[in-house]
Amino acid sequence: MIASPYRSRSASAGDPIIIYGSRWCGITMMIRRYLDRAGIPYRFVDWEAHPEVRSELEWLAGGRLASPTIKLGGQVLVQPTIRELEWALARAGYR
């Protein structure tokens, strides 16, 4: 049997999904709504309400603030489409 690279990791409570964004950002709201409907838990960090995370967010997003920036199973997604998010969820074992 050949192991699939998409199932190399399984999701666990030790690897939470973290969404960095702002409450007014349409893409952030779309991503959060998608995860809510799919029943996938995540932690939302509003970078405007928590300015101490801005430097980490800028580092993750390549030197600029990008909303949303998502940490998921060892991956970092910057302003992903739903298709990119689905691929990352599958790769991390959430789907």
PDB file of N, CA and C in Angstrom:
ATOM      1  N   MET A   1       0.837  -1.173   0.000  1.00  0.00           N
ATOM      2  CA  MET A   1       0.000   0.000   0.000  1.00  0.00           C
ATOM      3  C   MET A   1       0.883   1.238   0.000  1.00  0.00           C
ATOM      4  N   ILE A   2       0.566   2.230  -0.831  1.00  0.00           N
ATOM      5  CA  ILE A   2       1.336   3.462  -0.932  1.00  0.00           C
ATOM      6  C   ILE A   2       0.716   4.508  -0.021  1.00  0.00           C
ATOM      7  N   ALA A   3       1.529   5.144   0.785  1.00  0.00           N
ATOM      8  CA  ALA A   3       1.038   6.183   1.697  1.00  0.00           C
ATOM      9  C   ALA A   3       0.802   7.474   0.930  1.00  0.00           C
ATOM     10  N   SER A   4      -0.308   8.103   1.196  1.00  0.00           N
ATOM     11  CA  SER A   4      -0.634   9.365   0.554  1.00  0.00           C
ATOM     12  C   SER A   4       0.055  10.521   1.266  1.00  0.00           C
ATOM     13  N   PRO A   5       0.671  11.451   0.521  1.00  0.00           N
ATOM     14  CA  PRO A   5       1.280  12.605   1.175  1.00  0.00           C
ATOM     15  C   PRO A   5       0.243  13.513   1.816  1.00  0.00           C
ATOM     16  N   TYR A   6      -1.005  13.389   1.403  1.00  0.00           N
ATOM     17  CA  TYR A   6      -2.060  14.234   1.950  1.00  0.00           C
ATOM     18  C   TYR A   6      -2.532  13.761   3.307  1.00  0.00           C
ATOM     19  N   ARG A   7      -2.183  12.581   3.691  1.00  0.00           N
ATOM     20  CA  ARG A   7      -2.563  12.045   4.997  1.00  0.00           C
ATOM     21  C   ARG A   7      -1.339  11.815   5.871  1.00  0.00           C
ATOM     22  N   SER A   8      -0.281  12.560   5.620  1.00  0.00           N
ATOM     23  CA  SER A   8       0.947  12.331   6.366  1.00  0.00           C
ATOM     24  C   SER A   8       0.841  12.805   7.814  1.00  0.00           C
ATOM     25  N   ARG A   9      -0.058  13.731   8.086  1.00  0.00           N
ATOM     26  CA  ARG A   9      -0.262  14.225   9.444  1.00  0.00           C
ATOM     27  C   ARG A   9      -1.738  14.105   9.758  1.00  0.00           C
ATOM     28  N   SER A  10      -2.027  13.897  10.997  1.00  0.00           N
ATOM     29  CA  SER A  10      -3.423  13.925  11.392  1.00  0.00           C
ATOM     30  C   SER A  10      -3.648  15.141  12.271  1.00  0.00           C
ATOM     31  N   ALA A  11      -4.826  15.717  12.161  1.00  0.00           N
ATOM     32  CA  ALA A  11      -5.152  16.887  12.958  1.00  0.00           C
ATOM     33  C   ALA A  11      -5.269  16.492  14.418  1.00  0.00           C
ATOM     34  N   SER A  12      -4.806  17.368  15.270  1.00  0.00           N
ATOM     35  CA  SER A  12      -4.920  17.104  16.690  1.00  0.00           C
ATOM     36  C   SER A  12      -5.144  18.412  17.423  1.00  0.00           C
ATOM     37  N   ALA A  13      -5.567  18.307  18.659  1.00  0.00           N
ATOM     38  CA  ALA A  13      -5.786  19.504  19.461  1.00  0.00           C
ATOM     39  C   ALA A  13      -4.478  20.253  19.693  1.00  0.00           C
ATOM     40  N   GLY A  14      -3.344  19.580  19.534  1.00  0.00           N
ATOM     41  CA  GLY A  14      -2.055  20.231  19.695  1.00  0.00           C
ATOM     42  C   GLY A  14      -1.673  21.102  18.517  1.00  0.00           C
ATOM     43  N   ASP A  15      -2.364  20.977  17.413  1.00  0.00           N
ATOM     44  CA  ASP A  15      -2.094  21.767  16.216  1.00  0.00           C
ATOM     45  C   ASP A  15      -3.330  22.579  15.839  1.00  0.00           C
ATOM     46  N   PRO A  16      -3.642  23.614  16.621  1.00  0.00           N
ATOM     47  CA  PRO A  16      -4.856  24.370  16.309  1.00  0.00           C
ATOM     48  C   PRO A  16      -4.696  25.211  15.047  1.00  0.00           C
ATOM     49  N   ILE A  17      -5.800  25.488  14.414  1.00  0.00           N
ATOM     50  CA  ILE A  17      -5.814  26.419  13.295  1.00  0.00           C
ATOM     51  C   ILE A  17      -5.926  27.813  13.901  1.00  0.00           C
ATOM     52  N   ILE A  18      -5.040  28.697  13.479  1.00  0.00           N
ATOM     53  CA  ILE A  18      -5.080  30.074  13.964  1.00  0.00           C
ATOM     54  C   ILE A  18      -5.282  30.995  12.772  1.00  0.00           C
ATOM     55  N   ILE A  19      -6.309  31.825  12.858  1.00  0.00           N
ATOM     56  CA  ILE A  19      -6.603  32.794  11.809  1.00  0.00           C
ATOM     57  C   ILE A  19      -6.271  34.176  12.352  1.00  0.00           C
ATOM     58  N   TYR A  20      -5.320  34.846  11.693  1.00  0.00           N
ATOM     59  CA  TYR A  20      -5.005  36.233  12.023  1.00  0.00           C
ATOM     60  C   TYR A  20      -5.727  37.093  10.991  1.00  0.00           C
ATOM     61  N   GLY A  21      -6.498  38.048  11.466  1.00  0.00           N
ATOM     62  CA  GLY A  21      -7.217  38.909  10.539  1.00  0.00           C
ATOM     63  C   GLY A  21      -7.888  40.046  11.262  1.00  0.00           C
ATOM     64  N   SER A  22      -8.800  40.678  10.569  1.00  0.00           N
ATOM     65  CA  SER A  22      -9.574  41.753  11.174  1.00  0.00           C
ATOM     66  C   SER A  22     -11.054  41.459  10.999  1.00  0.00           C
ATOM     67  N   ARG A  23     -11.843  41.963  11.889  1.00  0.00           N
ATOM     68  CA  ARG A  23     -13.279  41.678  11.875  1.00  0.00           C
ATOM     69  C   ARG A  23     -13.981  42.278  10.665  1.00  0.00           C
ATOM     70  N   TRP A  24     -13.422  43.325  10.069  1.00  0.00           N
ATOM     71  CA  TRP A  24     -14.062  43.980   8.939  1.00  0.00           C
ATOM     72  C   TRP A  24     -13.651  43.388   7.585  1.00  0.00           C
ATOM     73  N   CYS A  25     -12.690  42.489   7.565  1.00  0.00           N
ATOM     74  CA  CYS A  25     -12.171  41.930   6.301  1.00  0.00           C
ATOM     75  C   CYS A  25     -13.114  40.868   5.742  1.00  0.00           C
ATOM     76  N   GLY A  26     -13.568  41.073   4.502  1.00  0.00           N
ATOM     77  CA  GLY A  26     -14.489  40.140   3.864  1.00  0.00           C
ATOM     78  C   GLY A  26     -13.906  38.742   3.671  1.00  0.00           C
ATOM     79  N   ILE A  27     -12.628  38.653   3.293  1.00  0.00           N
ATOM     80  CA  ILE A  27     -12.002  37.341   3.088  1.00  0.00           C
ATOM     81  C   ILE A  27     -11.915  36.595   4.419  1.00  0.00           C
ATOM     82  N   THR A  28     -11.560  37.310   5.480  1.00  0.00           N
ATOM     83  CA  THR A  28     -11.481  36.689   6.808  1.00  0.00           C
ATOM     84  C   THR A  28     -12.848  36.162   7.226  1.00  0.00           C
ATOM     85  N   MET A  29     -13.892  36.955   7.023  1.00  0.00           N
ATOM     86  CA  MET A  29     -15.241  36.517   7.383  1.00  0.00           C
ATOM     87  C   MET A  29     -15.653  35.290   6.575  1.00  0.00           C
ATOM     88  N   MET A  30     -15.299  35.257   5.282  1.00  0.00           N
ATOM     89  CA  MET A  30     -15.633  34.123   4.430  1.00  0.00           C
ATOM     90  C   MET A  30     -14.935  32.851   4.922  1.00  0.00           C
ATOM     91  N   ILE A  31     -13.651  32.944   5.269  1.00  0.00           N
ATOM     92  CA  ILE A  31     -12.885  31.789   5.770  1.00  0.00           C
ATOM     93  C   ILE A  31     -13.477  31.303   7.090  1.00  0.00           C
ATOM     94  N   ARG A  32     -13.777  32.222   8.001  1.00  0.00           N
ATOM     95  CA  ARG A  32     -14.342  31.844   9.297  1.00  0.00           C
ATOM     96  C   ARG A  32     -15.707  31.180   9.125  1.00  0.00           C
ATOM     97  N   ARG A  33     -16.527  31.719   8.252  1.00  0.00           N
ATOM     98  CA  ARG A  33     -17.851  31.146   7.999  1.00  0.00           C
ATOM     99  C   ARG A  33     -17.712  29.736   7.414  1.00  0.00           C
ATOM    100  N   TYR A  34     -16.767  29.543   6.511  1.00  0.00           N
ATOM    101  CA  TYR A  34     -16.527  28.224   5.913  1.00  0.00           C
ATOM    102  C   TYR A  34     -16.147  27.211   6.997  1.00  0.00           C
ATOM    103  N   LEU A  35     -15.204  27.574   7.877  1.00  0.00           N
ATOM    104  CA  LEU A  35     -14.772  26.665   8.942  1.00  0.00           C
ATOM    105  C   LEU A  35     -15.895  26.402   9.937  1.00  0.00           C
ATOM    106  N   ASP A  36     -16.672  27.432  10.262  1.00  0.00           N
ATOM    107  CA  ASP A  36     -17.815  27.248  11.165  1.00  0.00           C
ATOM    108  C   ASP A  36     -18.811  26.245  10.583  1.00  0.00           C
ATOM    109  N   ARG A  37     -19.145  26.403   9.322  1.00  0.00           N
ATOM    110  CA  ARG A  37     -20.109  25.499   8.677  1.00  0.00           C
ATOM    111  C   ARG A  37     -19.588  24.076   8.577  1.00  0.00           C
ATOM    112  N   ALA A  38     -18.268  23.947   8.422  1.00  0.00           N
ATOM    113  CA  ALA A  38     -17.661  22.620   8.323  1.00  0.00           C
ATOM    114  C   ALA A  38     -17.427  21.993   9.698  1.00  0.00           C
ATOM    115  N   GLY A  39     -17.649  22.759  10.765  1.00  0.00           N
ATOM    116  CA  GLY A  39     -17.439  22.237  12.114  1.00  0.00           C
ATOM    117  C   GLY A  39     -15.974  22.071  12.483  1.00  0.00           C
ATOM    118  N   ILE A  40     -15.111  22.851  11.865  1.00  0.00           N
ATOM    119  CA  ILE A  40     -13.675  22.755  12.121  1.00  0.00           C
ATOM    120  C   ILE A  40     -13.290  23.856  13.102  1.00  0.00           C
ATOM    121  N   PRO A  41     -12.772  23.486  14.275  1.00  0.00           N
ATOM    122  CA  PRO A  41     -12.416  24.496  15.274  1.00  0.00           C
ATOM    123  C   PRO A  41     -11.179  25.293  14.865  1.00  0.00           C
ATOM    124  N   TYR A  42     -11.163  26.534  15.275  1.00  0.00           N
ATOM    125  CA  TYR A  42     -10.039  27.424  15.000  1.00  0.00           C
ATOM    126  C   TYR A  42     -10.001  28.497  16.079  1.00  0.00           C
ATOM    127  N   ARG A  43      -8.899  29.210  16.117  1.00  0.00           N
ATOM    128  CA  ARG A  43      -8.773  30.363  17.018  1.00  0.00           C
ATOM    129  C   ARG A  43      -8.599  31.590  16.149  1.00  0.00           C
ATOM    130  N   PHE A  44      -9.405  32.606  16.383  1.00  0.00           N
ATOM    131  CA  PHE A  44      -9.329  33.850  15.633  1.00  0.00           C
ATOM    132  C   PHE A  44      -8.587  34.886  16.459  1.00  0.00           C
ATOM    133  N   VAL A  45      -7.581  35.525  15.854  1.00  0.00           N
ATOM    134  CA  VAL A  45      -6.828  36.591  16.506  1.00  0.00           C
ATOM    135  C   VAL A  45      -7.018  37.858  15.678  1.00  0.00           C
ATOM    136  N   ASP A  46      -7.730  38.813  16.242  1.00  0.00           N
ATOM    137  CA  ASP A  46      -7.959  40.099  15.582  1.00  0.00           C
ATOM    138  C   ASP A  46      -6.718  40.956  15.784  1.00  0.00           C
ATOM    139  N   TRP A  47      -5.971  41.189  14.711  1.00  0.00           N
ATOM    140  CA  TRP A  47      -4.702  41.902  14.855  1.00  0.00           C
ATOM    141  C   TRP A  47      -4.906  43.368  15.198  1.00  0.00           C
ATOM    142  N   GLU A  48      -6.099  43.889  14.992  1.00  0.00           N
ATOM    143  CA  GLU A  48      -6.355  45.276  15.404  1.00  0.00           C
ATOM    144  C   GLU A  48      -6.591  45.358  16.916  1.00  0.00           C
ATOM    145  N   ALA A  49      -7.242  44.353  17.491  1.00  0.00           N
ATOM    146  CA  ALA A  49      -7.499  44.319  18.924  1.00  0.00           C
ATOM    147  C   ALA A  49      -6.274  43.850  19.706  1.00  0.00           C
ATOM    148  N   HIS A  50      -5.359  43.139  19.037  1.00  0.00           N
ATOM    149  CA  HIS A  50      -4.148  42.614  19.677  1.00  0.00           C
ATOM    150  C   HIS A  50      -2.923  43.043  18.875  1.00  0.00           C
ATOM    151  N   PRO A  51      -2.537  44.321  18.978  1.00  0.00           N
ATOM    152  CA  PRO A  51      -1.420  44.816  18.164  1.00  0.00           C
ATOM    153  C   PRO A  51      -0.088  44.126  18.446  1.00  0.00           C
ATOM    154  N   GLU A  52       0.011  43.421  19.566  1.00  0.00           N
ATOM    155  CA  GLU A  52       1.266  42.725  19.876  1.00  0.00           C
ATOM    156  C   GLU A  52       1.552  41.585  18.895  1.00  0.00           C
ATOM    157  N   VAL A  53       0.569  41.122  18.147  1.00  0.00           N
ATOM    158  CA  VAL A  53       0.787  40.038  17.179  1.00  0.00           C
ATOM    159  C   VAL A  53       1.154  40.562  15.791  1.00  0.00           C
ATOM    160  N   ARG A  54       1.139  41.878  15.617  1.00  0.00           N
ATOM    161  CA  ARG A  54       1.411  42.458  14.295  1.00  0.00           C
ATOM    162  C   ARG A  54       2.776  42.057  13.744  1.00  0.00           C
ATOM    163  N   SER A  55       3.816  42.057  14.582  1.00  0.00           N
ATOM    164  CA  SER A  55       5.152  41.709  14.081  1.00  0.00           C
ATOM    165  C   SER A  55       5.207  40.246  13.648  1.00  0.00           C
ATOM    166  N   GLU A  56       4.557  39.348  14.410  1.00  0.00           N
ATOM    167  CA  GLU A  56       4.514  37.940  13.994  1.00  0.00           C
ATOM    168  C   GLU A  56       3.739  37.795  12.691  1.00  0.00           C
ATOM    169  N   LEU A  57       2.628  38.498  12.578  1.00  0.00           N
ATOM    170  CA  LEU A  57       1.820  38.439  11.366  1.00  0.00           C
ATOM    171  C   LEU A  57       2.591  38.959  10.163  1.00  0.00           C
ATOM    172  N   GLU A  58       3.289  40.062  10.326  1.00  0.00           N
ATOM    173  CA  GLU A  58       4.104  40.590   9.228  1.00  0.00           C
ATOM    174  C   GLU A  58       5.189  39.592   8.831  1.00  0.00           C
ATOM    175  N   TRP A  59       5.804  38.939   9.814  1.00  0.00           N
ATOM    176  CA  TRP A  59       6.838  37.953   9.518  1.00  0.00           C
ATOM    177  C   TRP A  59       6.245  36.767   8.761  1.00  0.00           C
ATOM    178  N   LEU A  60       5.089  36.261   9.211  1.00  0.00           N
ATOM    179  CA  LEU A  60       4.445  35.126   8.551  1.00  0.00           C
ATOM    180  C   LEU A  60       4.027  35.450   7.122  1.00  0.00           C
ATOM    181  N   ALA A  61       3.609  36.699   6.901  1.00  0.00           N
ATOM    182  CA  ALA A  61       3.084  37.090   5.596  1.00  0.00           C
ATOM    183  C   ALA A  61       4.143  37.712   4.688  1.00  0.00           C
ATOM    184  N   GLY A  62       5.396  37.567   5.033  1.00  0.00           N
ATOM    185  CA  GLY A  62       6.460  38.040   4.155  1.00  0.00           C
ATOM    186  C   GLY A  62       6.726  39.533   4.233  1.00  0.00           C
ATOM    187  N   GLY A  63       6.500  40.132   5.410  1.00  0.00           N
ATOM    188  CA  GLY A  63       6.850  41.529   5.594  1.00  0.00           C
ATOM    189  C   GLY A  63       5.713  42.514   5.455  1.00  0.00           C
ATOM    190  N   ARG A  64       4.502  42.036   5.266  1.00  0.00           N
ATOM    191  CA  ARG A  64       3.363  42.943   5.156  1.00  0.00           C
ATOM    192  C   ARG A  64       2.191  42.380   5.951  1.00  0.00           C
ATOM    193  N   LEU A  65       1.291  43.246   6.341  1.00  0.00           N
ATOM    194  CA  LEU A  65       0.075  42.783   7.000  1.00  0.00           C
ATOM    195  C   LEU A  65      -0.875  42.274   5.925  1.00  0.00           C
ATOM    196  N   ALA A  66      -1.292  41.054   6.046  1.00  0.00           N
ATOM    197  CA  ALA A  66      -2.214  40.462   5.091  1.00  0.00           C
ATOM    198  C   ALA A  66      -3.320  39.766   5.864  1.00  0.00           C
ATOM    199  N   SER A  67      -4.544  40.132   5.561  1.00  0.00           N
ATOM    200  CA  SER A  67      -5.679  39.577   6.271  1.00  0.00           C
ATOM    201  C   SER A  67      -6.530  38.763   5.310  1.00  0.00           C
ATOM    202  N   PRO A  68      -6.743  37.499   5.606  1.00  0.00           N
ATOM    203  CA  PRO A  68      -6.257  36.728   6.737  1.00  0.00           C
ATOM    204  C   PRO A  68      -4.928  36.042   6.446  1.00  0.00           C
ATOM    205  N   THR A  69      -4.207  35.773   7.499  1.00  0.00           N
ATOM    206  CA  THR A  69      -3.046  34.900   7.462  1.00  0.00           C
ATOM    207  C   THR A  69      -3.386  33.737   8.387  1.00  0.00           C
ATOM    208  N   ILE A  70      -3.220  32.511   7.888  1.00  0.00           N
ATOM    209  CA  ILE A  70      -3.678  31.331   8.616  1.00  0.00           C
ATOM    210  C   ILE A  70      -2.514  30.384   8.872  1.00  0.00           C
ATOM    211  N   LYS A  71      -2.373  29.961  10.130  1.00  0.00           N
ATOM    212  CA  LYS A  71      -1.431  28.902  10.488  1.00  0.00           C
ATOM    213  C   LYS A  71      -2.237  27.629  10.645  1.00  0.00           C
ATOM    214  N   LEU A  72      -1.846  26.602   9.890  1.00  0.00           N
ATOM    215  CA  LEU A  72      -2.635  25.374   9.846  1.00  0.00           C
ATOM    216  C   LEU A  72      -1.710  24.197   9.613  1.00  0.00           C
ATOM    217  N   GLY A  73      -1.555  23.339  10.602  1.00  0.00           N
ATOM    218  CA  GLY A  73      -0.774  22.116  10.446  1.00  0.00           C
ATOM    219  C   GLY A  73       0.626  22.328   9.912  1.00  0.00           C
ATOM    220  N   GLY A  74       1.330  23.328  10.404  1.00  0.00           N
ATOM    221  CA  GLY A  74       2.689  23.592   9.935  1.00  0.00           C
ATOM    222  C   GLY A  74       2.758  24.400   8.662  1.00  0.00           C
ATOM    223  N   GLN A  75       1.618  24.767   8.121  1.00  0.00           N
ATOM    224  CA  GLN A  75       1.555  25.570   6.903  1.00  0.00           C
ATOM    225  C   GLN A  75       1.135  26.994   7.251  1.00  0.00           C
ATOM    226  N   VAL A  76       1.509  27.942   6.406  1.00  0.00           N
ATOM    227  CA  VAL A  76       1.050  29.318   6.531  1.00  0.00           C
ATOM    228  C   VAL A  76       0.386  29.683   5.215  1.00  0.00           C
ATOM    229  N   LEU A  77      -0.864  30.128   5.309  1.00  0.00           N
ATOM    230  CA  LEU A  77      -1.624  30.546   4.130  1.00  0.00           C
ATOM    231  C   LEU A  77      -1.879  32.043   4.240  1.00  0.00           C
ATOM    232  N   VAL A  78      -1.576  32.778   3.182  1.00  0.00           N
ATOM    233  CA  VAL A  78      -1.802  34.213   3.167  1.00  0.00           C
ATOM    234  C   VAL A  78      -2.898  34.509   2.155  1.00  0.00           C
ATOM    235  N   GLN A  79      -4.000  35.035   2.634  1.00  0.00           N
ATOM    236  CA  GLN A  79      -5.175  35.364   1.835  1.00  0.00           C
ATOM    237  C   GLN A  79      -5.557  34.212   0.894  1.00  0.00           C
ATOM    238  N   PRO A  80      -5.809  33.025   1.480  1.00  0.00           N
ATOM    239  CA  PRO A  80      -6.104  31.863   0.618  1.00  0.00           C
ATOM    240  C   PRO A  80      -7.518  31.916   0.042  1.00  0.00           C
ATOM    241  N   THR A  81      -7.686  31.235  -1.073  1.00  0.00           N
ATOM    242  CA  THR A  81      -9.015  30.994  -1.611  1.00  0.00           C
ATOM    243  C   THR A  81      -9.603  29.817  -0.838  1.00  0.00           C
ATOM    244  N   ILE A  82     -10.888  29.579  -1.002  1.00  0.00           N
ATOM    245  CA  ILE A  82     -11.512  28.421  -0.355  1.00  0.00           C
ATOM    246  C   ILE A  82     -10.878  27.134  -0.876  1.00  0.00           C
ATOM    247  N   ARG A  83     -10.579  27.062  -2.142  1.00  0.00           N
ATOM    248  CA  ARG A  83      -9.938  25.868  -2.711  1.00  0.00           C
ATOM    249  C   ARG A  83      -8.568  25.626  -2.072  1.00  0.00           C
ATOM    250  N   GLU A  84      -7.770  26.687  -1.892  1.00  0.00           N
ATOM    251  CA  GLU A  84      -6.461  26.545  -1.244  1.00  0.00           C
ATOM    252  C   GLU A  84      -6.627  26.109   0.213  1.00  0.00           C
ATOM    253  N   LEU A  85      -7.629  26.658   0.885  1.00  0.00           N
ATOM    254  CA  LEU A  85      -7.900  26.265   2.265  1.00  0.00           C
ATOM    255  C   LEU A  85      -8.303  24.795   2.342  1.00  0.00           C
ATOM    256  N   GLU A  86      -9.169  24.351   1.440  1.00  0.00           N
ATOM    257  CA  GLU A  86      -9.585  22.944   1.421  1.00  0.00           C
ATOM    258  C   GLU A  86      -8.384  22.022   1.221  1.00  0.00           C
ATOM    259  N   TRP A  87      -7.491  22.389   0.325  1.00  0.00           N
ATOM    260  CA  TRP A  87      -6.292  21.584   0.059  1.00  0.00           C
ATOM    261  C   TRP A  87      -5.428  21.508   1.319  1.00  0.00           C
ATOM    262  N   ALA A  88      -5.237  22.660   1.985  1.00  0.00           N
ATOM    263  CA  ALA A  88      -4.414  22.681   3.192  1.00  0.00           C
ATOM    264  C   ALA A  88      -5.068  21.875   4.317  1.00  0.00           C
ATOM    265  N   LEU A  89      -6.389  21.962   4.441  1.00  0.00           N
ATOM    266  CA  LEU A  89      -7.098  21.173   5.459  1.00  0.00           C
ATOM    267  C   LEU A  89      -6.922  19.690   5.199  1.00  0.00           C
ATOM    268  N   ALA A  90      -7.048  19.267   3.952  1.00  0.00           N
ATOM    269  CA  ALA A  90      -6.874  17.862   3.606  1.00  0.00           C
ATOM    270  C   ALA A  90      -5.451  17.407   3.889  1.00  0.00           C
ATOM    271  N   ARG A  91      -4.502  18.226   3.536  1.00  0.00           N
ATOM    272  CA  ARG A  91      -3.083  17.881   3.753  1.00  0.00           C
ATOM    273  C   ARG A  91      -2.761  17.737   5.228  1.00  0.00           C
ATOM    274  N   ALA A  92      -3.413  18.569   6.076  1.00  0.00           N
ATOM    275  CA  ALA A  92      -3.163  18.527   7.511  1.00  0.00           C
ATOM    276  C   ALA A  92      -4.009  17.471   8.221  1.00  0.00           C
ATOM    277  N   GLY A  93      -4.903  16.793   7.480  1.00  0.00           N
ATOM    278  CA  GLY A  93      -5.691  15.731   8.079  1.00  0.00           C
ATOM    279  C   GLY A  93      -7.013  16.167   8.683  1.00  0.00           C
ATOM    280  N   TYR A  94      -7.446  17.377   8.394  1.00  0.00           N
ATOM    281  CA  TYR A  94      -8.731  17.853   8.919  1.00  0.00           C
ATOM    282  C   TYR A  94      -9.902  17.358   8.076  1.00  0.00           C
ATOM    283  N   ARG A  95      -9.654  16.904   6.885  1.00  0.00           N
ATOM    284  CA  ARG A  95     -10.722  16.445   5.983  1.00  0.00           C
ATOM    285  C   ARG A  95     -10.450  15.038   5.523  1.00  0.00           C
TER     286      ARG A  95
END
